[in-house]
């Protein structure tokens, strides 16, 4: 199915947000949102992914 991940159209077979993160190579230390709603780490495994969903994944960056 097609979703929008960080502004880009992606095809995925993932059924949950956690499965999508694993499929796309993201680590656990990220913040996630589905269709504009924050999804905490504890709910990622039960948060379904549907066709057309907008998923945002943000990671903290260090700078100096």
N, C-alpha and C. Protein backbone atom coordinates (compact mmCIF):
# COMPACT_ATOMS: atom_id res chain seq x y z
N UNK A 1 0.84 -1.18 0.00
CA UNK A 1 0.00 0.00 0.00
C UNK A 1 0.88 1.23 0.00
N UNK A 2 0.35 2.34 -0.43
CA UNK A 2 1.09 3.59 -0.46
C UNK A 2 0.75 4.45 0.75
N UNK A 3 1.80 4.97 1.37
CA UNK A 3 1.67 5.91 2.48
C UNK A 3 2.59 7.09 2.19
N UNK A 4 2.50 8.11 3.01
CA UNK A 4 3.43 9.24 2.91
C UNK A 4 4.29 9.22 4.16
N UNK A 5 5.58 9.00 3.98
CA UNK A 5 6.53 8.93 5.07
C UNK A 5 7.48 10.11 4.98
N UNK A 6 7.40 10.99 5.98
CA UNK A 6 8.23 12.20 6.00
C UNK A 6 8.14 12.97 4.68
N UNK A 7 6.94 13.06 4.15
CA UNK A 7 6.70 13.85 2.95
C UNK A 7 6.93 13.14 1.63
N UNK A 8 7.36 11.88 1.66
CA UNK A 8 7.61 11.13 0.43
C UNK A 8 6.67 9.94 0.33
N UNK A 9 6.15 9.69 -0.86
CA UNK A 9 5.30 8.53 -1.08
C UNK A 9 6.16 7.27 -1.02
N UNK A 10 5.71 6.31 -0.22
CA UNK A 10 6.42 5.04 -0.05
C UNK A 10 5.43 3.90 -0.17
N UNK A 11 5.89 2.77 -0.69
CA UNK A 11 5.10 1.55 -0.69
C UNK A 11 5.55 0.69 0.48
N UNK A 12 4.61 0.12 1.20
CA UNK A 12 4.93 -0.70 2.36
C UNK A 12 3.97 -1.88 2.48
N UNK A 13 4.46 -2.93 3.09
CA UNK A 13 3.62 -4.08 3.42
C UNK A 13 3.35 -4.11 4.92
N UNK A 14 3.90 -3.13 5.66
CA UNK A 14 3.77 -3.08 7.12
C UNK A 14 2.32 -2.86 7.52
N UNK A 15 1.91 -3.57 8.57
CA UNK A 15 0.54 -3.43 9.07
C UNK A 15 0.47 -2.49 10.27
N UNK A 16 1.61 -2.28 10.95
CA UNK A 16 1.63 -1.41 12.13
C UNK A 16 2.75 -0.39 12.00
N UNK A 17 2.67 0.62 12.82
CA UNK A 17 3.70 1.65 12.82
C UNK A 17 5.06 1.06 13.19
N UNK A 18 5.09 0.17 14.18
CA UNK A 18 6.34 -0.46 14.58
C UNK A 18 6.95 -1.25 13.43
N UNK A 19 6.13 -2.00 12.71
CA UNK A 19 6.62 -2.78 11.57
C UNK A 19 7.17 -1.86 10.48
N UNK A 20 6.53 -0.72 10.27
CA UNK A 20 7.01 0.25 9.29
C UNK A 20 8.38 0.79 9.69
N UNK A 21 8.55 1.12 10.96
CA UNK A 21 9.83 1.64 11.43
C UNK A 21 10.95 0.62 11.22
N UNK A 22 10.67 -0.63 11.52
CA UNK A 22 11.66 -1.68 11.29
C UNK A 22 11.96 -1.84 9.81
N UNK A 23 10.92 -1.87 9.00
CA UNK A 23 11.07 -2.02 7.55
C UNK A 23 11.91 -0.90 6.94
N UNK A 24 11.73 0.31 7.44
CA UNK A 24 12.42 1.48 6.88
C UNK A 24 13.76 1.75 7.56
N UNK A 25 14.15 0.94 8.54
CA UNK A 25 15.46 1.05 9.16
C UNK A 25 15.60 2.11 10.24
N UNK A 26 14.49 2.53 10.83
CA UNK A 26 14.56 3.50 11.93
C UNK A 26 14.84 2.79 13.23
N UNK A 27 15.57 3.45 14.13
CA UNK A 27 15.82 2.92 15.46
C UNK A 27 14.67 3.25 16.40
N UNK A 28 14.82 2.84 17.65
CA UNK A 28 13.76 3.06 18.63
C UNK A 28 13.73 4.49 19.15
N UNK A 29 14.83 5.22 19.03
CA UNK A 29 14.91 6.57 19.60
C UNK A 29 14.45 7.62 18.60
N UNK A 30 13.17 7.52 18.25
CA UNK A 30 12.56 8.49 17.34
C UNK A 30 11.20 8.88 17.90
N UNK A 31 10.68 10.00 17.43
CA UNK A 31 9.32 10.42 17.75
C UNK A 31 8.47 10.14 16.51
N UNK A 32 7.25 9.71 16.72
CA UNK A 32 6.40 9.34 15.58
C UNK A 32 5.03 10.00 15.67
N UNK A 33 4.47 10.26 14.49
CA UNK A 33 3.11 10.77 14.39
C UNK A 33 2.43 10.11 13.21
N UNK A 34 1.14 9.87 13.36
CA UNK A 34 0.32 9.29 12.28
C UNK A 34 -0.82 10.27 12.03
N UNK A 35 -0.87 10.79 10.82
CA UNK A 35 -1.90 11.75 10.43
C UNK A 35 -1.98 12.93 11.39
N UNK A 36 -0.79 13.38 11.83
CA UNK A 36 -0.71 14.56 12.68
C UNK A 36 -0.86 14.30 14.17
N UNK A 37 -1.14 13.05 14.56
CA UNK A 37 -1.30 12.72 15.97
C UNK A 37 -0.07 11.98 16.48
N UNK A 38 0.50 12.47 17.59
CA UNK A 38 1.66 11.83 18.21
C UNK A 38 1.32 10.38 18.59
N UNK A 39 2.26 9.46 18.30
CA UNK A 39 2.10 8.06 18.70
C UNK A 39 3.28 7.70 19.61
N UNK A 40 3.01 7.44 20.90
CA UNK A 40 4.09 7.10 21.81
C UNK A 40 4.67 5.71 21.52
N UNK A 41 5.87 5.49 21.98
CA UNK A 41 6.57 4.23 21.78
C UNK A 41 5.72 3.03 22.18
N UNK A 42 5.01 3.13 23.27
CA UNK A 42 4.22 2.00 23.78
C UNK A 42 3.04 1.61 22.90
N UNK A 43 2.63 2.50 22.00
CA UNK A 43 1.47 2.21 21.14
C UNK A 43 1.84 1.89 19.70
N UNK A 44 3.12 1.97 19.35
CA UNK A 44 3.52 1.76 17.96
C UNK A 44 3.19 0.36 17.45
N UNK A 45 3.32 -0.64 18.30
CA UNK A 45 3.05 -2.02 17.89
C UNK A 45 1.58 -2.31 17.61
N UNK A 46 0.69 -1.48 18.14
CA UNK A 46 -0.75 -1.69 17.93
C UNK A 46 -1.39 -0.60 17.08
N UNK A 47 -0.58 0.35 16.60
CA UNK A 47 -1.10 1.42 15.75
C UNK A 47 -1.09 0.96 14.30
N UNK A 48 -2.28 0.79 13.71
CA UNK A 48 -2.33 0.29 12.33
C UNK A 48 -1.89 1.34 11.31
N UNK A 49 -1.38 0.87 10.21
CA UNK A 49 -1.02 1.72 9.07
C UNK A 49 -2.04 1.44 7.97
N UNK A 50 -2.63 2.50 7.45
CA UNK A 50 -3.63 2.37 6.39
C UNK A 50 -3.19 3.12 5.14
N UNK A 51 -3.71 2.72 4.02
CA UNK A 51 -3.40 3.37 2.75
C UNK A 51 -3.64 4.87 2.87
N UNK A 52 -2.65 5.66 2.43
CA UNK A 52 -2.77 7.11 2.43
C UNK A 52 -2.37 7.79 3.73
N UNK A 53 -2.03 7.01 4.76
CA UNK A 53 -1.62 7.62 6.03
C UNK A 53 -0.40 8.51 5.84
N UNK A 54 -0.33 9.59 6.63
CA UNK A 54 0.84 10.47 6.66
C UNK A 54 1.62 10.16 7.94
N UNK A 55 2.79 9.59 7.78
CA UNK A 55 3.62 9.21 8.92
C UNK A 55 4.82 10.14 8.98
N UNK A 56 5.08 10.68 10.17
CA UNK A 56 6.25 11.52 10.39
C UNK A 56 7.14 10.83 11.42
N UNK A 57 8.43 10.74 11.12
CA UNK A 57 9.40 10.15 12.03
C UNK A 57 10.50 11.16 12.23
N UNK A 58 10.73 11.54 13.48
CA UNK A 58 11.74 12.56 13.80
C UNK A 58 12.75 11.98 14.78
N UNK A 59 14.02 12.26 14.52
CA UNK A 59 15.09 11.84 15.42
C UNK A 59 15.82 13.08 15.92
N UNK A 60 16.23 13.03 17.19
CA UNK A 60 17.00 14.14 17.74
C UNK A 60 18.38 14.16 17.10
N UNK A 61 18.91 15.37 16.89
CA UNK A 61 20.23 15.50 16.30
C UNK A 61 21.08 16.36 17.23
N UNK A 62 22.34 16.01 17.31
CA UNK A 62 23.26 16.79 18.12
C UNK A 62 24.09 17.66 17.21
N UNK A 63 24.42 18.79 17.69
CA UNK A 63 25.26 19.69 16.91
C UNK A 63 26.20 20.45 17.82
N UNK A 64 27.08 21.18 17.22
CA UNK A 64 27.99 21.89 18.10
C UNK A 64 28.50 23.16 17.50
